[in-house]
Protein backbone atom coordinates (compact mmCIF):
# COMPACT_ATOMS: atom_id res chain seq x y z
CA MET A 1 -235.15 156.67 -84.29
CA THR A 2 -234.43 155.80 -87.92
CA GLN A 3 -231.18 157.37 -89.11
CA ARG A 4 -231.44 159.46 -92.26
CA PRO A 5 -229.38 158.08 -95.20
CA SER A 6 -226.18 159.99 -95.89
CA ALA A 7 -225.70 161.97 -99.10
CA PRO A 8 -223.27 159.37 -100.54
CA ALA A 9 -225.83 156.61 -99.79
CA LEU A 10 -228.56 158.61 -101.53
CA VAL A 11 -226.33 159.18 -104.55
CA ARG A 12 -225.56 155.45 -104.72
CA SER A 13 -229.30 154.81 -104.84
CA VAL A 14 -229.54 157.25 -107.76
CA CYS A 15 -226.73 155.31 -109.48
CA ASP A 16 -228.83 152.15 -109.11
CA VAL A 17 -231.82 153.92 -110.66
CA ALA A 18 -229.63 155.31 -113.45
CA ALA A 19 -228.22 151.85 -114.22
CA ARG A 20 -231.75 150.50 -114.62
CA LEU A 21 -232.97 153.43 -116.73
CA ALA A 22 -229.87 153.54 -118.94
CA ALA A 23 -229.66 149.79 -119.55
CA GLY A 24 -229.18 148.99 -123.23
CA THR A 25 -227.95 152.50 -124.11
CA PRO A 26 -224.40 153.91 -124.42
CA CYS A 27 -225.10 155.80 -121.15
CA ALA A 28 -224.93 152.53 -119.18
CA ALA A 29 -221.12 152.42 -119.33
CA THR A 30 -220.93 156.00 -118.05
CA VAL A 31 -223.15 155.14 -115.08
CA THR A 32 -220.85 152.21 -114.22
CA THR A 33 -217.86 154.58 -114.28
CA ILE A 34 -219.65 157.10 -112.07
CA ARG A 35 -220.47 154.41 -109.49
CA SER A 36 -216.89 153.13 -109.56
CA ARG A 37 -215.52 156.59 -108.92
CA LEU A 38 -217.99 157.16 -106.09
CA ASP A 39 -216.71 153.99 -104.38
CA GLY A 40 -213.04 154.80 -105.08
CA PRO A 41 -210.52 157.29 -103.68
CA LEU A 42 -210.96 161.05 -103.85
CA ARG A 43 -209.54 162.34 -107.13
CA VAL A 44 -207.45 165.50 -106.77
CA ALA A 45 -206.08 167.22 -109.87
CA ILE A 46 -202.91 169.31 -109.86
CA ALA A 47 -203.19 172.16 -112.35
CA GLY A 48 -201.36 175.34 -113.24
CA ARG A 49 -199.51 177.22 -115.91
CA VAL A 50 -196.48 175.82 -117.73
CA LYS A 51 -193.42 175.39 -115.47
CA ALA A 52 -195.46 176.00 -112.33
CA GLY A 53 -193.97 172.87 -110.71
CA LYS A 54 -197.01 170.56 -110.90
CA SER A 55 -195.14 167.28 -111.42
CA THR A 56 -192.58 168.15 -108.76
CA LEU A 57 -195.34 168.83 -106.23
CA LEU A 58 -197.06 165.55 -107.14
CA ASN A 59 -193.79 163.72 -106.52
CA ALA A 60 -193.46 165.45 -103.14
CA LEU A 61 -197.00 164.46 -102.14
CA VAL A 62 -196.34 160.83 -103.11
CA GLY A 63 -192.83 160.80 -101.65
CA GLU A 64 -191.34 159.33 -104.82
CA ARG A 65 -190.11 160.74 -108.12
CA LEU A 66 -192.93 159.31 -110.21
CA ALA A 67 -194.20 162.13 -112.44
CA PRO A 68 -191.79 163.05 -115.25
CA THR A 69 -190.60 166.65 -114.91
CA ASP A 70 -188.90 167.04 -118.29
CA ALA A 71 -190.53 168.40 -121.45
CA GLY A 72 -191.26 165.00 -122.99
CA GLU A 73 -194.48 163.77 -124.56
CA CYS A 74 -195.78 162.39 -121.24
CA THR A 75 -196.00 165.87 -119.72
CA ARG A 76 -198.48 166.80 -122.48
CA VAL A 77 -200.97 164.11 -121.44
CA VAL A 78 -203.31 163.99 -118.45
CA THR A 79 -201.90 161.30 -116.12
CA ALA A 80 -203.67 159.75 -113.13
CA TYR A 81 -201.64 158.12 -110.33
CA ARG A 82 -203.54 155.59 -108.19
CA GLU A 83 -202.63 152.94 -105.65
CA ALA A 84 -202.20 149.41 -107.04
CA VAL A 85 -200.91 146.08 -105.79
CA GLY A 86 -198.23 145.97 -108.48
CA TYR A 87 -196.64 148.36 -110.95
CA GLU A 88 -198.56 149.17 -114.12
CA VAL A 89 -198.83 151.93 -116.70
CA ARG A 90 -201.64 152.05 -119.26
CA ALA A 91 -202.50 154.41 -122.08
CA HIS A 92 -206.16 155.12 -122.71
CA ARG A 93 -206.03 155.93 -126.41
CA THR A 94 -208.27 158.37 -128.24
CA ASP A 95 -209.81 155.48 -130.23
CA GLY A 96 -211.13 153.93 -126.99
CA THR A 97 -208.57 151.13 -126.68
CA ILE A 98 -206.29 150.57 -123.68
CA GLU A 99 -202.62 149.71 -124.14
CA ASP A 100 -200.03 148.60 -121.58
CA LEU A 101 -196.92 150.76 -121.69
CA ARG A 102 -193.33 149.88 -120.86
CA PHE A 103 -191.61 151.95 -118.19
CA GLU A 104 -188.42 152.09 -116.14
CA ARG A 105 -186.91 154.02 -113.26
CA GLN A 106 -183.94 156.24 -114.08
CA ARG A 107 -182.25 157.66 -110.98
CA GLY A 108 -185.53 157.16 -109.17
CA ALA A 109 -187.67 158.97 -111.75
CA LEU A 110 -190.32 157.16 -113.79
CA ARG A 111 -189.70 157.05 -117.55
CA ILE A 112 -192.64 155.90 -119.68
CA ASP A 113 -192.24 154.55 -123.22
CA LEU A 114 -195.23 155.64 -125.36
CA ASN A 115 -194.42 152.98 -127.97
CA GLY A 116 -193.71 155.64 -130.56
CA ARG A 117 -197.09 157.28 -130.16
CA SER A 118 -197.53 161.02 -129.86
CA ALA A 119 -199.53 162.77 -127.17
CA ASP A 120 -202.30 163.35 -129.71
CA ASP A 121 -202.91 159.58 -129.91
CA ILE A 122 -203.49 159.26 -126.15
CA ASP A 123 -206.49 160.46 -124.17
CA TRP A 124 -204.92 159.88 -120.75
CA ILE A 125 -202.35 157.72 -118.95
CA GLU A 126 -203.12 155.67 -115.86
CA VAL A 127 -200.26 154.78 -113.49
CA GLY A 128 -200.87 152.14 -110.83
CA TRP A 129 -198.28 152.19 -108.05
CA PRO A 130 -198.00 150.51 -104.63
CA SER A 131 -197.93 153.64 -102.45
CA SER A 132 -199.76 154.33 -99.20
CA ALA A 133 -199.83 158.02 -100.17
CA LEU A 134 -202.21 157.12 -103.01
CA ARG A 135 -204.53 154.93 -100.91
CA ALA A 136 -207.11 157.59 -100.08
CA THR A 137 -206.35 159.99 -102.92
CA THR A 138 -205.74 159.52 -106.64
CA LEU A 139 -203.57 162.37 -107.94
CA VAL A 140 -204.05 163.64 -111.49
CA ASP A 141 -201.22 165.52 -113.18
CA THR A 142 -202.40 167.85 -115.95
CA PRO A 143 -200.51 169.55 -118.82
CA GLY A 144 -199.59 173.18 -118.30
CA LEU A 145 -202.06 175.92 -119.14
CA GLY A 146 -200.88 178.74 -121.37
CA SER A 147 -198.48 176.45 -123.22
CA ILE A 148 -197.17 177.30 -126.68
CA ASN A 149 -198.26 173.73 -127.40
CA THR A 150 -201.96 174.50 -127.76
CA GLY A 151 -202.83 170.81 -127.79
CA ALA A 152 -201.46 170.35 -124.27
CA SER A 153 -203.40 173.31 -122.87
CA ARG A 154 -206.54 172.14 -124.66
CA ARG A 155 -206.31 168.72 -123.01
CA THR A 156 -206.30 170.34 -119.57
CA GLU A 157 -209.24 172.60 -120.44
CA GLU A 158 -211.25 169.65 -121.77
CA PHE A 159 -210.38 167.60 -118.69
CA PHE A 160 -211.99 170.15 -116.37
CA GLU A 161 -214.90 171.01 -118.66
CA THR A 162 -216.19 167.45 -119.23
CA GLU A 163 -218.60 166.62 -116.40
CA ASN A 164 -218.65 162.81 -116.52
CA ASP A 165 -215.15 162.13 -117.79
CA PRO A 166 -213.66 159.09 -115.97
CA ARG A 167 -210.41 161.01 -115.55
CA ASN A 168 -212.08 163.99 -113.92
CA ALA A 169 -211.41 165.43 -110.47
CA ASP A 170 -213.40 166.02 -107.30
CA ALA A 171 -211.01 168.73 -106.12
CA VAL A 172 -208.07 170.71 -107.46
CA ILE A 173 -204.75 172.06 -106.25
CA TYR A 174 -203.92 175.04 -108.45
CA LEU A 175 -200.28 176.12 -108.68
CA MET A 176 -199.24 179.67 -109.52
CA ARG A 177 -195.90 181.41 -109.39
CA HIS A 178 -197.48 184.85 -109.58
CA LEU A 179 -201.14 185.82 -109.67
CA HIS A 180 -202.31 186.27 -113.27
CA ARG A 181 -205.79 187.03 -114.53
CA GLY A 182 -205.70 183.59 -116.16
CA ASP A 183 -205.25 181.96 -112.72
CA VAL A 184 -208.43 183.57 -111.41
CA ASP A 185 -210.28 182.67 -114.62
CA PHE A 186 -209.30 179.00 -114.23
CA LEU A 187 -210.42 178.82 -110.60
CA GLU A 188 -213.74 180.41 -111.54
CA THR A 189 -214.18 177.83 -114.31
CA PHE A 190 -213.43 174.93 -111.97
CA GLY A 191 -215.76 176.30 -109.28
CA ASP A 192 -218.46 174.04 -107.90
CA HIS A 193 -220.81 173.89 -110.91
CA SER A 194 -223.75 172.93 -108.70
CA LEU A 195 -223.61 176.43 -107.24
CA ALA A 196 -224.34 179.77 -108.82
CA ASP A 197 -220.85 181.10 -108.16
CA PRO A 198 -217.28 179.78 -108.07
CA SER A 199 -216.62 177.94 -104.81
CA PRO A 200 -213.67 177.56 -102.42
CA ILE A 201 -215.06 174.22 -101.25
CA ASN A 202 -213.06 172.02 -103.61
CA ALA A 203 -210.16 174.24 -104.72
CA MET A 204 -206.89 175.25 -103.09
CA ALA A 205 -204.12 177.47 -104.45
CA VAL A 206 -200.39 176.95 -103.99
CA LEU A 207 -197.80 179.69 -104.43
CA SER A 208 -195.34 177.31 -106.07
CA ARG A 209 -191.57 177.34 -106.43
CA ALA A 210 -191.57 179.53 -103.34
CA ASP A 211 -187.83 179.04 -102.90
CA GLU A 212 -187.13 180.99 -106.11
CA ILE A 213 -188.71 184.22 -104.87
CA GLY A 214 -186.23 187.05 -104.31
CA ALA A 215 -183.38 185.48 -106.29
CA ALA A 216 -183.42 182.36 -104.06
CA ARG A 217 -181.95 184.18 -101.05
CA LEU A 218 -182.09 182.51 -97.63
CA ASP A 219 -185.15 184.62 -96.75
CA ALA A 220 -187.05 183.48 -99.89
CA LEU A 221 -189.55 181.34 -97.98
CA SER A 222 -190.35 184.16 -95.55
CA SER A 223 -191.03 186.44 -98.52
CA ALA A 224 -193.22 183.75 -100.09
CA ALA A 225 -195.25 183.43 -96.87
CA ARG A 226 -195.95 187.18 -96.88
CA ILE A 227 -197.01 187.09 -100.55
CA ALA A 228 -199.31 184.12 -99.93
CA ALA A 229 -200.90 185.94 -96.99
CA ARG A 230 -201.57 188.94 -99.23
CA TYR A 231 -203.12 186.68 -101.89
CA ARG A 232 -205.38 185.09 -99.26
CA SER A 233 -206.86 188.53 -98.55
CA LEU A 234 -207.84 189.19 -102.18
CA ASP A 235 -211.58 188.96 -102.84
CA GLU A 236 -211.17 187.22 -106.21
CA LEU A 237 -209.19 184.39 -104.59
CA ARG A 238 -211.31 184.10 -101.43
CA ARG A 239 -214.33 183.49 -103.63
CA THR A 240 -212.69 180.70 -105.61
CA CYS A 241 -210.27 178.76 -103.38
CA ALA A 242 -210.09 177.75 -99.73
CA THR A 243 -206.64 179.16 -99.10
CA VAL A 244 -203.24 180.02 -100.61
CA VAL A 245 -200.17 178.30 -99.20
CA PRO A 246 -196.50 178.70 -100.25
CA VAL A 247 -194.67 175.48 -101.14
CA ALA A 248 -191.18 174.78 -102.47
CA GLY A 249 -191.93 171.52 -104.26
CA LEU A 250 -188.35 170.75 -105.31
CA LEU A 251 -187.14 171.18 -101.74
CA ALA A 252 -189.83 168.78 -100.51
CA GLU A 253 -189.26 166.21 -103.25
CA THR A 254 -185.51 166.13 -102.64
CA GLY A 255 -185.88 166.13 -98.86
CA LEU A 256 -188.00 162.99 -99.14
CA THR A 257 -185.53 161.27 -101.48
CA LEU A 258 -182.20 162.70 -100.24
CA GLN A 259 -179.17 160.45 -100.68
CA GLU A 260 -176.17 160.05 -98.35
CA ASP A 261 -173.69 160.85 -101.12
CA GLU A 262 -175.51 164.13 -101.83
CA VAL A 263 -175.23 165.13 -98.19
CA ALA A 264 -171.55 164.19 -98.21
CA SER A 265 -170.94 166.58 -101.12
CA LEU A 266 -172.89 169.33 -99.35
CA ARG A 267 -170.86 168.75 -96.20
CA THR A 268 -167.64 169.15 -98.21
CA LEU A 269 -168.90 172.47 -99.58
CA ALA A 270 -169.89 173.63 -96.09
CA ALA A 271 -166.31 173.07 -94.92
CA LEU A 272 -164.85 175.53 -97.47
CA GLU A 273 -163.39 178.86 -96.42
CA GLN A 274 -166.07 181.54 -96.19
CA ALA A 275 -164.72 183.63 -99.06
CA GLU A 276 -164.46 180.63 -101.39
CA LEU A 277 -167.95 179.47 -100.40
CA ASP A 278 -169.46 182.93 -100.94
CA GLU A 279 -167.96 183.05 -104.42
CA LEU A 280 -169.30 179.60 -105.25
CA LEU A 281 -172.82 180.37 -104.00
CA LEU A 282 -173.06 183.76 -105.71
CA SER A 283 -175.18 182.43 -108.59
CA ALA A 284 -176.25 179.23 -110.31
CA ASP A 285 -173.74 179.83 -113.12
CA ARG A 286 -170.88 180.24 -110.66
CA PHE A 287 -171.94 177.14 -108.78
CA ARG A 288 -172.01 175.03 -111.93
CA ALA A 289 -168.82 176.42 -113.46
CA ALA A 290 -165.67 174.35 -113.69
CA GLY A 291 -162.95 175.48 -111.34
CA VAL A 292 -160.92 174.65 -108.28
CA SER A 293 -163.25 172.94 -105.80
CA PRO A 294 -163.19 169.69 -103.85
CA VAL A 295 -166.59 168.88 -105.41
CA ALA A 296 -166.56 168.12 -109.14
CA PRO A 297 -168.58 170.40 -111.47
CA GLU A 298 -170.85 167.54 -112.58
CA VAL A 299 -171.68 166.74 -108.94
CA ARG A 300 -172.45 170.40 -108.29
CA ALA A 301 -174.71 170.45 -111.34
CA ASP A 302 -176.58 167.43 -110.00
CA LEU A 303 -176.98 169.11 -106.62
CA LEU A 304 -178.36 172.20 -108.32
CA GLY A 305 -180.84 170.12 -110.28
CA ARG A 306 -181.99 168.33 -107.14
CA LEU A 307 -182.11 171.28 -104.74
CA GLY A 308 -182.16 174.49 -106.73
CA MET A 309 -180.02 177.45 -105.74
CA PHE A 310 -182.01 178.12 -102.58
CA GLY A 311 -181.84 174.47 -101.52
CA VAL A 312 -178.07 174.37 -101.94
CA ARG A 313 -177.62 177.58 -99.95
CA TYR A 314 -180.06 176.45 -97.29
CA SER A 315 -178.45 173.00 -96.92
CA VAL A 316 -174.92 174.37 -96.75
CA ASP A 317 -176.01 176.93 -94.15
CA ALA A 318 -177.74 174.25 -92.07
CA LEU A 319 -174.64 172.03 -92.12
CA ARG A 320 -172.19 174.87 -91.57
CA SER A 321 -174.13 176.27 -88.62
CA GLU A 322 -174.55 172.73 -87.22
CA ARG A 323 -178.37 173.05 -87.15
CA VAL A 324 -178.32 169.53 -88.59
CA ALA A 325 -175.89 166.73 -87.86
CA SER A 326 -176.90 163.92 -90.21
CA ALA A 327 -178.43 163.21 -93.60
CA SER A 328 -181.77 162.33 -91.98
CA ASP A 329 -181.68 165.60 -90.00
CA LEU A 330 -181.13 167.60 -93.19
CA ALA A 331 -183.86 165.69 -95.02
CA ARG A 332 -186.38 166.52 -92.30
CA GLU A 333 -185.26 170.15 -92.26
CA LEU A 334 -185.74 170.48 -96.02
CA VAL A 335 -189.23 168.95 -95.94
CA THR A 336 -190.31 171.17 -93.03
CA ALA A 337 -188.93 174.33 -94.64
CA SER A 338 -190.61 173.47 -97.98
CA GLY A 339 -194.12 174.04 -96.63
CA LEU A 340 -195.21 170.50 -97.57
CA PRO A 341 -196.39 169.60 -94.03
CA ASP A 342 -198.66 172.67 -94.00
CA LEU A 343 -200.07 171.73 -97.40
CA ARG A 344 -200.75 168.17 -96.27
CA ARG A 345 -202.53 169.44 -93.15
CA LEU A 346 -204.69 171.76 -95.26
CA LEU A 347 -205.48 168.97 -97.72
CA THR A 348 -206.73 166.89 -94.81
CA GLU A 349 -208.81 169.75 -93.38
CA HIS A 350 -210.33 170.93 -96.65
CA PHE A 351 -210.49 167.80 -98.82
CA ALA A 352 -209.95 164.53 -96.95
CA ARG A 353 -212.48 165.20 -94.19
CA ARG A 354 -215.25 165.82 -96.69
CA ALA A 355 -213.98 163.38 -99.34
CA GLU A 356 -217.16 161.26 -99.41
CA LEU A 357 -219.33 164.34 -99.85
CA LEU A 358 -217.09 165.79 -102.58
CA LYS A 359 -217.23 162.48 -104.46
CA ALA A 360 -221.00 162.35 -104.04
CA ARG A 361 -221.29 165.90 -105.37
CA SER A 362 -219.20 165.00 -108.43
CA ALA A 363 -221.24 161.85 -109.02
CA LEU A 364 -224.56 163.67 -108.74
CA ARG A 365 -223.36 166.33 -111.17
CA ALA A 366 -222.28 163.63 -113.62
CA LEU A 367 -225.62 161.82 -113.24
CA ARG A 368 -227.41 165.00 -114.24
CA VAL A 369 -225.36 165.01 -117.46
CA VAL A 370 -226.31 161.36 -118.01
CA ALA A 371 -229.98 162.31 -117.60
CA HIS A 372 -229.62 164.91 -120.36
CA GLU A 373 -227.79 162.48 -122.65
CA LEU A 374 -230.42 159.79 -121.99
CA ALA A 375 -233.07 162.03 -123.55
CA SER A 376 -231.70 161.06 -126.97
CA TYR A 377 -232.69 157.43 -126.32
CA ASP A 378 -235.66 157.57 -123.94
CA ALA A 379 -237.27 160.89 -122.96
CA GLU A 380 -239.36 159.32 -120.16
CA HIS A 381 -236.35 157.66 -118.53
CA SER A 382 -234.41 160.91 -118.86
CA GLU A 383 -237.12 162.79 -116.95
CA GLN A 384 -237.22 160.11 -114.25
CA LEU A 385 -233.46 160.30 -113.69
CA GLU A 386 -233.51 164.10 -113.66
CA ALA A 387 -236.25 163.98 -110.99
CA GLU A 388 -234.19 161.55 -108.87
CA VAL A 389 -231.14 163.85 -109.03
CA GLU A 390 -233.22 166.86 -108.01
CA ARG A 391 -234.85 164.90 -105.18
CA VAL A 392 -231.49 164.00 -103.66
CA GLU A 393 -230.13 167.52 -104.05
CA ALA A 394 -233.17 168.91 -102.25
CA ALA A 395 -233.43 166.23 -99.55
CA SER A 396 -229.81 165.99 -98.39
CA HIS A 397 -228.79 168.16 -95.43
CA GLU A 398 -225.17 167.46 -96.32
CA PHE A 399 -225.48 169.14 -99.71
CA ALA A 400 -227.20 172.05 -97.96
CA HIS A 401 -224.21 172.20 -95.61
CA LEU A 402 -221.87 172.22 -98.60
CA ARG A 403 -223.80 175.17 -99.97
CA LEU A 404 -223.65 176.87 -96.57
CA LEU A 405 -219.91 176.32 -96.36
CA HIS A 406 -219.56 177.81 -99.83
CA LEU A 407 -221.46 180.94 -98.77
CA VAL A 408 -219.35 181.34 -95.62
CA LEU A 409 -215.93 180.68 -97.17
CA SER A 410 -216.57 182.95 -100.15
CA ASP A 411 -217.56 185.86 -97.86
CA GLN A 412 -221.03 186.14 -99.34
CA VAL A 413 -222.75 186.29 -95.94
CA SER A 414 -222.70 188.89 -93.17
CA LEU A 415 -221.63 186.78 -90.20
CA SER A 416 -219.38 187.57 -87.26
CA GLU A 417 -216.32 185.45 -86.47
CA THR A 418 -218.23 183.85 -83.59
CA GLU A 419 -221.13 182.98 -85.90
CA ILE A 420 -218.76 181.51 -88.50
CA ALA A 421 -217.16 179.36 -85.78
CA GLU A 422 -220.66 178.26 -84.76
CA VAL A 423 -221.50 177.27 -88.34
CA ASN A 424 -218.30 175.22 -88.64
CA ALA A 425 -219.10 173.47 -85.34
CA ILE A 426 -222.65 172.38 -86.15
CA ILE A 427 -221.89 171.12 -89.67
CA GLY A 428 -218.83 169.23 -88.49
CA ALA A 429 -218.51 165.58 -87.56
CA GLY A 430 -219.81 164.03 -84.35
CA SER A 431 -223.02 163.41 -82.48
CA ALA A 432 -225.61 166.12 -81.82
CA VAL A 433 -224.27 166.63 -78.28
CA GLU A 434 -220.66 166.88 -79.48
CA ARG A 435 -221.53 169.39 -82.20
CA LEU A 436 -223.62 171.55 -79.87
CA THR A 437 -221.00 171.66 -77.12
CA ARG A 438 -218.43 172.89 -79.67
CA THR A 439 -220.52 175.95 -80.57
CA PRO A 440 -219.11 179.23 -79.17
CA ALA A 441 -222.68 180.42 -78.56
CA ALA A 442 -223.56 177.47 -76.33
CA GLU A 443 -224.55 178.46 -72.78
CA PRO A 444 -224.69 176.29 -69.65
CA SER A 445 -227.89 174.44 -70.45
CA THR A 446 -229.13 171.16 -71.83
CA PRO A 447 -228.13 170.49 -75.47
CA ALA A 448 -231.78 170.35 -76.52
CA THR A 449 -232.43 173.80 -75.00
CA VAL A 450 -229.33 175.18 -76.79
CA ALA A 451 -230.55 173.78 -80.12
CA LEU A 452 -234.08 175.14 -79.70
CA GLY A 453 -232.85 178.59 -78.71
CA ALA A 454 -230.48 178.64 -81.69
CA VAL A 455 -233.34 177.91 -84.13
CA ASP A 456 -235.13 181.07 -83.00
CA ARG A 457 -231.92 183.15 -82.93
CA TRP A 458 -230.88 182.27 -86.50
CA ARG A 459 -234.43 182.65 -87.86
CA ARG A 460 -234.59 186.16 -86.40
CA LYS A 461 -231.22 187.02 -87.91
CA GLY A 462 -232.33 185.79 -91.34
CA ALA A 463 -235.57 187.80 -91.09
CA HIS A 464 -233.77 191.09 -90.44
CA PRO A 465 -234.83 193.70 -93.05
CA ARG A 466 -231.21 194.42 -93.96
CA ALA A 467 -230.23 190.77 -94.48
CA ASP A 468 -229.28 190.04 -98.08
CA VAL A 469 -230.43 186.97 -100.02
CA ALA A 470 -227.26 184.94 -99.31
CA THR A 471 -227.37 185.70 -95.58
CA ARG A 472 -231.07 184.77 -95.38
CA GLU A 473 -230.33 181.47 -97.14
CA ALA A 474 -227.41 180.73 -94.80
CA CYS A 475 -229.43 181.56 -91.68
CA GLU A 476 -232.30 179.33 -92.79
CA THR A 477 -229.89 176.43 -93.40
CA VAL A 478 -228.35 176.89 -89.93
CA ALA A 479 -231.82 177.04 -88.36
CA ARG A 480 -232.89 173.81 -90.11
CA THR A 481 -229.67 172.15 -88.96
CA TYR A 482 -230.41 173.07 -85.35
CA GLU A 483 -233.95 171.73 -85.80
CA ALA A 484 -232.52 168.40 -87.00
CA LEU A 485 -230.15 168.30 -84.00
CA TYR A 486 -233.07 169.01 -81.66
CA VAL A 487 -235.10 166.19 -83.20
CA GLU A 488 -232.13 163.84 -82.88
CA LEU A 489 -231.73 164.72 -79.20
CA THR A 490 -235.38 164.46 -78.23
CA SER A 491 -236.12 161.32 -80.23
CA SER A 492 -233.30 159.16 -78.89
């Protein structure tokens, strides 16, 4: 039996056609970029309002303090961080030229010299860094939305609105401290443009700076978890993002880069008398203030900058209660408490496992834009490319599965929990037998009999008089998937 080409393979063939049709036009360079991105890592953008903690979260995901977190010019420019053999920083200027930039590490953080240029002179910055965390995923840090610096916010809006921009993203992590109408509006804008509605397929929300909730008390992260759970139940978020997870980015970043001398200072604080310690930990101002303490005020200020008030309280409590015994123990405790491991797991489940398909979707969407732009140079070639894009969209079961997943995740279909589990099983990875044996509806029978029975069952469900349009579409896609599995089983 001849195996059907995968969606990414089909999209690569469209890139080949586009390269031939666009040869000799300005569109040719765009096609080359699209193909390069299709063959490269998944590109995940980190977005959010000003001071949402985007750069801090990026640093936590990389495990190094790369992204600048101050209010300098670099934070007003879209910056992509990718894996490289060596260390390099380049500015892609608005006039189309590329310029190498000088940089240095200051206390572990990356400091980039823009050579006297302002953010308005630079389209985007590209940072190449030898990091295994960037091998499968390129992370893109974007300027804050809602900034008083309208230029910075505009750059982020343009980044997400331009279909075939080489900086653009296949997926997004959206940070919010509280849920604003603007947050929902952004997620709807970023939604999968190949679908009629916003999609949770390629977007995830993070309740950021979770350690600051409730005045940074020791129960702050528990409160953040409850708030995130409430957000996950809201219809407007379920339609636009896969999930909402609380993360304390600063806690994670510092846990991954914690120094022995910092732990020594925290241990000294933990040894104080209870009354003196309570007074010191009452507020950030009290903690920073000069006064009688075995730890100098400037050291306390550094600890506050690295850990935040919650992190200081949490670390001192962990050391004082002897939950941790060493610097490495405390580092692990901070990372676990931050919520970063949960976020990484969700990124794997929602993005990494379908990375090739998300990249193919982005490439196909960009190729459609190229087809429109090509009309200015050759109308016949434009029509040919448009037809190729439509052919692949219609012929690929994987894109149909992406659409099905969109309908299920955004609660647009009337399916039971068992039926949703069945959908996830049959569109997952593995052979036909493996996928069929994972289905909750499977009965003791041969896989081919299970597949054939499921075709009839889902077709009858889709034909029910009360089934809405979305449910009928989903049922038909499931039925066709079972048909393909049946053919695979009986033809081998």
